[in-house]
Amino acid sequence: MTPHVWALYHSRVFFALNTKMLSQLEVVYRCVRAWESRKEEIEFHQLEGYIRQTIGWREYTRGMYCIRC
């Protein structure tokens, strides 16, 4: 992380997910493909954590909205 690059503060992919430009499944597949081609750079636990955060947090937030409706 660096204060000199604004895009590192928040994943830019979430805008596309929030506006339904991308699906969660598409993001997960792309992450797995990137990991498969760059295993020496990306550790499995990093992949797993990112996928869990992408799906888990979004589903938690969706659930909170459903409870309030």
PDB file of N, CA and C in Angstrom:
ATOM      1  N   MET A   1       0.846  -1.178   0.000  1.00  0.00           N
ATOM      2  CA  MET A   1       0.000   0.000   0.000  1.00  0.00           C
ATOM      3  C   MET A   1       0.891   1.241   0.000  1.00  0.00           C
ATOM      4  N   THR A   2       0.429   2.197  -0.731  1.00  0.00           N
ATOM      5  CA  THR A   2       1.168   3.448  -0.811  1.00  0.00           C
ATOM      6  C   THR A   2       0.195   4.616  -0.924  1.00  0.00           C
ATOM      7  N   PRO A   3       0.480   5.719  -0.300  1.00  0.00           N
ATOM      8  CA  PRO A   3      -0.402   6.882  -0.414  1.00  0.00           C
ATOM      9  C   PRO A   3      -0.296   7.577  -1.769  1.00  0.00           C
ATOM     10  N   HIS A   4       0.644   7.124  -2.598  1.00  0.00           N
ATOM     11  CA  HIS A   4       0.856   7.773  -3.896  1.00  0.00           C
ATOM     12  C   HIS A   4      -0.026   7.197  -5.009  1.00  0.00           C
ATOM     13  N   VAL A   5      -0.702   6.094  -4.745  1.00  0.00           N
ATOM     14  CA  VAL A   5      -1.550   5.469  -5.756  1.00  0.00           C
ATOM     15  C   VAL A   5      -2.965   5.327  -5.175  1.00  0.00           C
ATOM     16  N   TRP A   6      -3.899   6.105  -5.676  1.00  0.00           N
ATOM     17  CA  TRP A   6      -5.252   6.121  -5.107  1.00  0.00           C
ATOM     18  C   TRP A   6      -5.970   4.776  -5.264  1.00  0.00           C
ATOM     19  N   ALA A   7      -5.692   4.036  -6.301  1.00  0.00           N
ATOM     20  CA  ALA A   7      -6.431   2.808  -6.575  1.00  0.00           C
ATOM     21  C   ALA A   7      -6.091   1.676  -5.615  1.00  0.00           C
ATOM     22  N   LEU A   8      -5.047   1.810  -4.844  1.00  0.00           N
ATOM     23  CA  LEU A   8      -4.687   0.738  -3.920  1.00  0.00           C
ATOM     24  C   LEU A   8      -5.455   0.804  -2.608  1.00  0.00           C
ATOM     25  N   TYR A   9      -6.189   1.862  -2.390  1.00  0.00           N
ATOM     26  CA  TYR A   9      -6.960   1.962  -1.153  1.00  0.00           C
ATOM     27  C   TYR A   9      -8.214   1.095  -1.181  1.00  0.00           C
ATOM     28  N   HIS A  10      -8.760   0.865  -2.351  1.00  0.00           N
ATOM     29  CA  HIS A  10      -9.986   0.085  -2.465  1.00  0.00           C
ATOM     30  C   HIS A  10      -9.980  -0.628  -3.812  1.00  0.00           C
ATOM     31  N   SER A  11     -10.420  -1.838  -3.807  1.00  0.00           N
ATOM     32  CA  SER A  11     -10.425  -2.607  -5.045  1.00  0.00           C
ATOM     33  C   SER A  11     -11.388  -1.984  -6.047  1.00  0.00           C
ATOM     34  N   ARG A  12     -10.898  -1.685  -7.216  1.00  0.00           N
ATOM     35  CA  ARG A  12     -11.746  -1.064  -8.240  1.00  0.00           C
ATOM     36  C   ARG A  12     -12.759  -2.040  -8.813  1.00  0.00           C
ATOM     37  N   VAL A  13     -12.559  -3.320  -8.610  1.00  0.00           N
ATOM     38  CA  VAL A  13     -13.499  -4.300  -9.148  1.00  0.00           C
ATOM     39  C   VAL A  13     -14.861  -4.206  -8.451  1.00  0.00           C
ATOM     40  N   PHE A  14     -14.902  -3.701  -7.230  1.00  0.00           N
ATOM     41  CA  PHE A  14     -16.168  -3.658  -6.513  1.00  0.00           C
ATOM     42  C   PHE A  14     -17.161  -2.681  -7.124  1.00  0.00           C
ATOM     43  N   PHE A  15     -16.678  -1.633  -7.779  1.00  0.00           N
ATOM     44  CA  PHE A  15     -17.600  -0.748  -8.485  1.00  0.00           C
ATOM     45  C   PHE A  15     -18.327  -1.526  -9.574  1.00  0.00           C
ATOM     46  N   ALA A  16     -17.570  -2.320 -10.336  1.00  0.00           N
ATOM     47  CA  ALA A  16     -18.176  -3.122 -11.407  1.00  0.00           C
ATOM     48  C   ALA A  16     -19.135  -4.163 -10.842  1.00  0.00           C
ATOM     49  N   LEU A  17     -18.809  -4.740  -9.707  1.00  0.00           N
ATOM     50  CA  LEU A  17     -19.726  -5.697  -9.069  1.00  0.00           C
ATOM     51  C   LEU A  17     -20.990  -4.993  -8.581  1.00  0.00           C
ATOM     52  N   ASN A  18     -20.828  -3.853  -7.942  1.00  0.00           N
ATOM     53  CA  ASN A  18     -21.980  -3.126  -7.393  1.00  0.00           C
ATOM     54  C   ASN A  18     -22.932  -2.639  -8.468  1.00  0.00           C
ATOM     55  N   THR A  19     -22.405  -2.307  -9.631  1.00  0.00           N
ATOM     56  CA  THR A  19     -23.252  -1.817 -10.717  1.00  0.00           C
ATOM     57  C   THR A  19     -23.662  -2.936 -11.676  1.00  0.00           C
ATOM     58  N   LYS A  20     -23.364  -4.178 -11.294  1.00  0.00           N
ATOM     59  CA  LYS A  20     -23.745  -5.377 -12.060  1.00  0.00           C
ATOM     60  C   LYS A  20     -23.084  -5.444 -13.431  1.00  0.00           C
ATOM     61  N   MET A  21     -21.935  -4.793 -13.572  1.00  0.00           N
ATOM     62  CA  MET A  21     -21.153  -4.909 -14.803  1.00  0.00           C
ATOM     63  C   MET A  21     -20.417  -6.257 -14.825  1.00  0.00           C
ATOM     64  N   LEU A  22     -20.128  -6.786 -13.636  1.00  0.00           N
ATOM     65  CA  LEU A  22     -19.480  -8.090 -13.465  1.00  0.00           C
ATOM     66  C   LEU A  22     -20.299  -8.928 -12.498  1.00  0.00           C
ATOM     67  N   SER A  23     -20.218 -10.233 -12.666  1.00  0.00           N
ATOM     68  CA  SER A  23     -20.849 -11.115 -11.680  1.00  0.00           C
ATOM     69  C   SER A  23     -19.771 -11.629 -10.729  1.00  0.00           C
ATOM     70  N   GLN A  24     -20.182 -12.064  -9.544  1.00  0.00           N
ATOM     71  CA  GLN A  24     -19.245 -12.615  -8.572  1.00  0.00           C
ATOM     72  C   GLN A  24     -18.540 -13.837  -9.151  1.00  0.00           C
ATOM     73  N   LEU A  25     -19.280 -14.668  -9.858  1.00  0.00           N
ATOM     74  CA  LEU A  25     -18.712 -15.884 -10.419  1.00  0.00           C
ATOM     75  C   LEU A  25     -17.619 -15.556 -11.435  1.00  0.00           C
ATOM     76  N   GLU A  26     -17.840 -14.527 -12.236  1.00  0.00           N
ATOM     77  CA  GLU A  26     -16.837 -14.115 -13.216  1.00  0.00           C
ATOM     78  C   GLU A  26     -15.553 -13.661 -12.525  1.00  0.00           C
ATOM     79  N   VAL A  27     -15.698 -12.909 -11.439  1.00  0.00           N
ATOM     80  CA  VAL A  27     -14.535 -12.440 -10.692  1.00  0.00           C
ATOM     81  C   VAL A  27     -13.782 -13.623 -10.087  1.00  0.00           C
ATOM     82  N   VAL A  28     -14.502 -14.582  -9.517  1.00  0.00           N
ATOM     83  CA  VAL A  28     -13.863 -15.748  -8.919  1.00  0.00           C
ATOM     84  C   VAL A  28     -13.115 -16.549  -9.974  1.00  0.00           C
ATOM     85  N   TYR A  29     -13.732 -16.806 -11.100  1.00  0.00           N
ATOM     86  CA  TYR A  29     -13.060 -17.552 -12.175  1.00  0.00           C
ATOM     87  C   TYR A  29     -11.794 -16.840 -12.640  1.00  0.00           C
ATOM     88  N   ARG A  30     -11.869 -15.527 -12.794  1.00  0.00           N
ATOM     89  CA  ARG A  30     -10.691 -14.781 -13.246  1.00  0.00           C
ATOM     90  C   ARG A  30      -9.578 -14.824 -12.204  1.00  0.00           C
ATOM     91  N   CYS A  31      -9.944 -14.756 -10.940  1.00  0.00           N
ATOM     92  CA  CYS A  31      -8.947 -14.840  -9.873  1.00  0.00           C
ATOM     93  C   CYS A  31      -8.246 -16.195  -9.887  1.00  0.00           C
ATOM     94  N   VAL A  32      -9.011 -17.255 -10.033  1.00  0.00           N
ATOM     95  CA  VAL A  32      -8.435 -18.602 -10.052  1.00  0.00           C
ATOM     96  C   VAL A  32      -7.521 -18.768 -11.265  1.00  0.00           C
ATOM     97  N   ARG A  33      -7.941 -18.270 -12.410  1.00  0.00           N
ATOM     98  CA  ARG A  33      -7.093 -18.371 -13.606  1.00  0.00           C
ATOM     99  C   ARG A  33      -5.790 -17.589 -13.428  1.00  0.00           C
ATOM    100  N   ALA A  34      -5.882 -16.417 -12.825  1.00  0.00           N
ATOM    101  CA  ALA A  34      -4.677 -15.621 -12.580  1.00  0.00           C
ATOM    102  C   ALA A  34      -3.746 -16.352 -11.619  1.00  0.00           C
ATOM    103  N   TRP A  35      -4.317 -16.949 -10.581  1.00  0.00           N
ATOM    104  CA  TRP A  35      -3.505 -17.699  -9.624  1.00  0.00           C
ATOM    105  C   TRP A  35      -2.840 -18.907 -10.292  1.00  0.00           C
ATOM    106  N   GLU A  36      -3.579 -19.610 -11.137  1.00  0.00           N
ATOM    107  CA  GLU A  36      -3.024 -20.784 -11.804  1.00  0.00           C
ATOM    108  C   GLU A  36      -1.837 -20.421 -12.695  1.00  0.00           C
ATOM    109  N   SER A  37      -1.883 -19.270 -13.306  1.00  0.00           N
ATOM    110  CA  SER A  37      -0.790 -18.877 -14.204  1.00  0.00           C
ATOM    111  C   SER A  37       0.351 -18.161 -13.477  1.00  0.00           C
ATOM    112  N   ARG A  38       0.125 -17.770 -12.209  1.00  0.00           N
ATOM    113  CA  ARG A  38       1.152 -17.020 -11.471  1.00  0.00           C
ATOM    114  C   ARG A  38       1.334 -17.552 -10.055  1.00  0.00           C
ATOM    115  N   LYS A  39       1.360 -18.863  -9.896  1.00  0.00           N
ATOM    116  CA  LYS A  39       1.456 -19.465  -8.567  1.00  0.00           C
ATOM    117  C   LYS A  39       2.721 -19.047  -7.809  1.00  0.00           C
ATOM    118  N   GLU A  40       3.773 -18.710  -8.533  1.00  0.00           N
ATOM    119  CA  GLU A  40       5.004 -18.289  -7.865  1.00  0.00           C
ATOM    120  C   GLU A  40       4.876 -16.876  -7.277  1.00  0.00           C
ATOM    121  N   GLU A  41       3.929 -16.104  -7.750  1.00  0.00           N
ATOM    122  CA  GLU A  41       3.714 -14.737  -7.257  1.00  0.00           C
ATOM    123  C   GLU A  41       2.555 -14.633  -6.278  1.00  0.00           C
ATOM    124  N   ILE A  42       1.542 -15.443  -6.473  1.00  0.00           N
ATOM    125  CA  ILE A  42       0.320 -15.361  -5.670  1.00  0.00           C
ATOM    126  C   ILE A  42       0.193 -16.633  -4.842  1.00  0.00           C
ATOM    127  N   GLU A  43       0.176 -16.483  -3.542  1.00  0.00           N
ATOM    128  CA  GLU A  43       0.030 -17.648  -2.673  1.00  0.00           C
ATOM    129  C   GLU A  43      -1.441 -18.031  -2.573  1.00  0.00           C
ATOM    130  N   PHE A  44      -1.670 -19.309  -2.311  1.00  0.00           N
ATOM    131  CA  PHE A  44      -3.046 -19.808  -2.271  1.00  0.00           C
ATOM    132  C   PHE A  44      -3.879 -19.084  -1.220  1.00  0.00           C
ATOM    133  N   HIS A  45      -3.310 -18.824  -0.068  1.00  0.00           N
ATOM    134  CA  HIS A  45      -4.083 -18.163   0.994  1.00  0.00           C
ATOM    135  C   HIS A  45      -4.495 -16.753   0.590  1.00  0.00           C
ATOM    136  N   GLN A  46      -3.725 -16.101  -0.273  1.00  0.00           N
ATOM    137  CA  GLN A  46      -4.113 -14.781  -0.769  1.00  0.00           C
ATOM    138  C   GLN A  46      -5.330 -14.902  -1.686  1.00  0.00           C
ATOM    139  N   LEU A  47      -5.293 -15.900  -2.552  1.00  0.00           N
ATOM    140  CA  LEU A  47      -6.431 -16.154  -3.440  1.00  0.00           C
ATOM    141  C   LEU A  47      -7.681 -16.466  -2.634  1.00  0.00           C
ATOM    142  N   GLU A  48      -7.539 -17.368  -1.693  1.00  0.00           N
ATOM    143  CA  GLU A  48      -8.684 -17.790  -0.874  1.00  0.00           C
ATOM    144  C   GLU A  48      -9.261 -16.624  -0.083  1.00  0.00           C
ATOM    145  N   GLY A  49      -8.404 -15.816   0.491  1.00  0.00           N
ATOM    146  CA  GLY A  49      -8.875 -14.667   1.268  1.00  0.00           C
ATOM    147  C   GLY A  49      -9.605 -13.643   0.410  1.00  0.00           C
ATOM    148  N   TYR A  50      -9.084 -13.390  -0.780  1.00  0.00           N
ATOM    149  CA  TYR A  50      -9.729 -12.421  -1.666  1.00  0.00           C
ATOM    150  C   TYR A  50     -11.093 -12.931  -2.122  1.00  0.00           C
ATOM    151  N   ILE A  51     -11.153 -14.215  -2.481  1.00  0.00           N
ATOM    152  CA  ILE A  51     -12.432 -14.789  -2.907  1.00  0.00           C
ATOM    153  C   ILE A  51     -13.427 -14.782  -1.755  1.00  0.00           C
ATOM    154  N   ARG A  52     -12.971 -15.167  -0.570  1.00  0.00           N
ATOM    155  CA  ARG A  52     -13.876 -15.169   0.586  1.00  0.00           C
ATOM    156  C   ARG A  52     -14.393 -13.769   0.880  1.00  0.00           C
ATOM    157  N   GLN A  53     -13.521 -12.783   0.789  1.00  0.00           N
ATOM    158  CA  GLN A  53     -13.949 -11.409   1.036  1.00  0.00           C
ATOM    159  C   GLN A  53     -14.917 -10.935  -0.042  1.00  0.00           C
ATOM    160  N   THR A  54     -14.627 -11.252  -1.280  1.00  0.00           N
ATOM    161  CA  THR A  54     -15.482 -10.829  -2.395  1.00  0.00           C
ATOM    162  C   THR A  54     -16.886 -11.395  -2.241  1.00  0.00           C
ATOM    163  N   ILE A  55     -16.985 -12.689  -1.994  1.00  0.00           N
ATOM    164  CA  ILE A  55     -18.294 -13.326  -1.891  1.00  0.00           C
ATOM    165  C   ILE A  55     -18.908 -13.104  -0.510  1.00  0.00           C
ATOM    166  N   GLY A  56     -18.131 -13.351   0.521  1.00  0.00           N
ATOM    167  CA  GLY A  56     -18.649 -13.291   1.890  1.00  0.00           C
ATOM    168  C   GLY A  56     -19.178 -11.931   2.286  1.00  0.00           C
ATOM    169  N   TRP A  57     -18.390 -10.888   2.053  1.00  0.00           N
ATOM    170  CA  TRP A  57     -18.821  -9.550   2.456  1.00  0.00           C
ATOM    171  C   TRP A  57     -20.041  -9.103   1.657  1.00  0.00           C
ATOM    172  N   ARG A  58     -20.054  -9.413   0.374  1.00  0.00           N
ATOM    173  CA  ARG A  58     -21.194  -9.010  -0.453  1.00  0.00           C
ATOM    174  C   ARG A  58     -22.462  -9.722   0.004  1.00  0.00           C
ATOM    175  N   GLU A  59     -22.360 -11.003   0.326  1.00  0.00           N
ATOM    176  CA  GLU A  59     -23.542 -11.747   0.771  1.00  0.00           C
ATOM    177  C   GLU A  59     -24.001 -11.273   2.152  1.00  0.00           C
ATOM    178  N   TYR A  60     -23.063 -10.956   3.019  1.00  0.00           N
ATOM    179  CA  TYR A  60     -23.411 -10.408   4.330  1.00  0.00           C
ATOM    180  C   TYR A  60     -24.161  -9.089   4.165  1.00  0.00           C
ATOM    181  N   THR A  61     -23.631  -8.218   3.324  1.00  0.00           N
ATOM    182  CA  THR A  61     -24.259  -6.919   3.096  1.00  0.00           C
ATOM    183  C   THR A  61     -25.642  -7.094   2.472  1.00  0.00           C
ATOM    184  N   ARG A  62     -25.767  -7.997   1.512  1.00  0.00           N
ATOM    185  CA  ARG A  62     -27.069  -8.263   0.894  1.00  0.00           C
ATOM    186  C   ARG A  62     -28.060  -8.759   1.934  1.00  0.00           C
ATOM    187  N   GLY A  63     -27.598  -9.616   2.821  1.00  0.00           N
ATOM    188  CA  GLY A  63     -28.467 -10.110   3.893  1.00  0.00           C
ATOM    189  C   GLY A  63     -28.940  -8.998   4.814  1.00  0.00           C
ATOM    190  N   MET A  64     -28.050  -8.062   5.125  1.00  0.00           N
ATOM    191  CA  MET A  64     -28.436  -6.940   5.986  1.00  0.00           C
ATOM    192  C   MET A  64     -29.501  -6.067   5.305  1.00  0.00           C
ATOM    193  N   TYR A  65     -29.369  -5.865   4.006  1.00  0.00           N
ATOM    194  CA  TYR A  65     -30.370  -5.102   3.284  1.00  0.00           C
ATOM    195  C   TYR A  65     -31.709  -5.846   3.290  1.00  0.00           C
ATOM    196  N   CYS A  66     -31.667  -7.158   3.128  1.00  0.00           N
ATOM    197  CA  CYS A  66     -32.909  -7.948   3.111  1.00  0.00           C
ATOM    198  C   CYS A  66     -33.612  -7.906   4.464  1.00  0.00           C
ATOM    199  N   ILE A  67     -32.849  -7.918   5.535  1.00  0.00           N
ATOM    200  CA  ILE A  67     -33.448  -7.859   6.877  1.00  0.00           C
ATOM    201  C   ILE A  67     -34.154  -6.526   7.076  1.00  0.00           C
ATOM    202  N   ARG A  68     -33.608  -5.456   6.554  1.00  0.00           N
ATOM    203  CA  ARG A  68     -34.184  -4.123   6.740  1.00  0.00           C
ATOM    204  C   ARG A  68     -35.403  -3.886   5.868  1.00  0.00           C
ATOM    205  N   CYS A  69     -35.586  -4.694   4.807  1.00  0.00           N
ATOM    206  CA  CYS A  69     -36.700  -4.464   3.879  1.00  0.00           C
ATOM    207  C   CYS A  69     -38.005  -4.984   4.388  1.00  0.00           C
TER     208      CYS A  69
END
